Amino acid sequence: MTRYKLVNGVTTPLTPEEEQAFDDHAAAEASDLAENGYKYARAAEYPSIEDQLDEIYHNGIDAWKAIIKTTKDKYPKP
C-alpha cells in the first residue's frame, strides 16, 4: 500500500527510501512502547508533584506510598 506526503499542497507518493524510513520509525516506536509503556501509563496517572507533597505533609509518607503503590500495581514493570 502506497503512502503519501503533502508537498506544497500536492499529495505525492513516498519514495521507497521514505517508505523504509517510515517503517523503521514505526518499528522503533512500537519497540519503545513495549519496553516503556508502563512508564508512560504511570506518569499519566500519578498525582501532580504538588498533590504528592501535600499528601506527604498532611498524611505522612506511608499514606503517600499507598497512593503511589496503587498506580505501580496497576501498571507493573514487564
Protein backbone atom coordinates (compact mmCIF):
# COMPACT_ATOMS: atom_id res chain seq x y z
CA MET A 1 0.00 0.00 0.00
CA THR A 2 1.49 3.29 -1.06
CA ARG A 3 1.71 6.07 1.49
CA TYR A 4 1.61 9.71 0.57
CA LYS A 5 3.00 13.02 1.78
CA LEU A 6 1.83 16.57 1.23
CA VAL A 7 4.33 18.79 -0.63
CA ASN A 8 3.33 22.38 -1.35
CA GLY A 9 -0.32 21.42 -1.20
CA VAL A 10 0.13 18.46 -3.57
CA THR A 11 -0.26 14.84 -2.47
CA THR A 12 2.83 12.88 -3.58
CA PRO A 13 3.70 9.20 -3.06
CA LEU A 14 6.59 8.41 -0.75
CA THR A 15 9.81 7.16 -2.31
CA PRO A 16 11.00 3.64 -1.38
CA GLU A 17 13.60 5.21 0.93
CA GLU A 18 10.94 7.31 2.65
CA GLU A 19 8.72 4.24 2.98
CA GLN A 20 11.59 2.34 4.64
CA ALA A 21 12.36 5.26 6.97
CA PHE A 22 8.67 5.43 7.91
CA ASP A 23 8.59 1.68 8.64
CA ASP A 24 11.82 1.86 10.66
CA HIS A 25 10.45 4.74 12.72
CA ALA A 26 7.16 2.91 13.35
CA ALA A 27 9.07 -0.22 14.46
CA ALA A 28 11.22 1.84 16.83
CA GLU A 29 8.13 3.46 18.37
CA ALA A 30 6.44 0.08 18.81
CA SER A 31 9.56 -1.30 20.49
CA ASP A 32 9.77 1.71 22.80
CA LEU A 33 6.12 1.36 23.76
CA ALA A 34 6.57 -2.34 24.50
CA GLU A 35 9.58 -1.65 26.73
CA ASN A 36 8.44 1.58 28.39
CA GLY A 37 4.67 1.67 28.08
CA TYR A 38 4.21 1.11 31.79
CA LYS A 39 6.25 4.27 32.49
CA TYR A 40 4.03 6.38 30.26
CA ALA A 41 0.87 4.95 31.81
CA ARG A 42 2.17 5.55 35.33
CA ALA A 43 3.25 9.12 34.58
CA ALA A 44 -0.21 9.95 33.25
CA GLU A 45 -1.91 8.54 36.34
CA TYR A 46 0.33 9.76 39.17
CA PRO A 47 -0.92 12.82 41.05
CA SER A 48 0.94 16.06 40.39
CA ILE A 49 4.10 16.71 42.40
CA GLU A 50 2.26 19.43 44.31
CA ASP A 51 -0.51 16.99 45.27
CA GLN A 52 2.02 14.35 46.26
CA LEU A 53 3.89 16.78 48.51
CA ASP A 54 0.61 17.93 50.03
CA GLU A 55 -0.30 14.29 50.74
CA ILE A 56 3.06 13.74 52.47
CA TYR A 57 2.68 16.92 54.53
CA HIS A 58 -0.87 16.22 55.69
CA ASN A 59 -0.92 12.42 55.93
CA GLY A 60 2.70 11.27 56.06
CA ILE A 61 4.97 9.16 53.91
CA ASP A 62 3.08 5.92 54.47
CA ALA A 63 -0.18 7.36 53.08
CA TRP A 64 1.72 8.74 50.07
CA LYS A 65 3.38 5.35 49.49
CA ALA A 66 -0.05 3.68 49.48
CA ILE A 67 -1.31 6.07 46.79
CA ILE A 68 1.78 5.57 44.63
CA LYS A 69 1.68 1.78 45.12
CA THR A 70 -1.83 1.66 43.69
CA THR A 71 -0.58 3.09 40.40
CA LYS A 72 2.56 0.94 40.42
CA ASP A 73 0.46 -2.19 40.96
CA LYS A 74 -1.93 -1.18 38.18
CA TYR A 75 0.97 -0.77 35.70
CA PRO A 76 3.73 -3.23 36.72
CA LYS A 77 7.13 -3.41 35.09
CA PRO A 78 7.25 -6.04 32.34
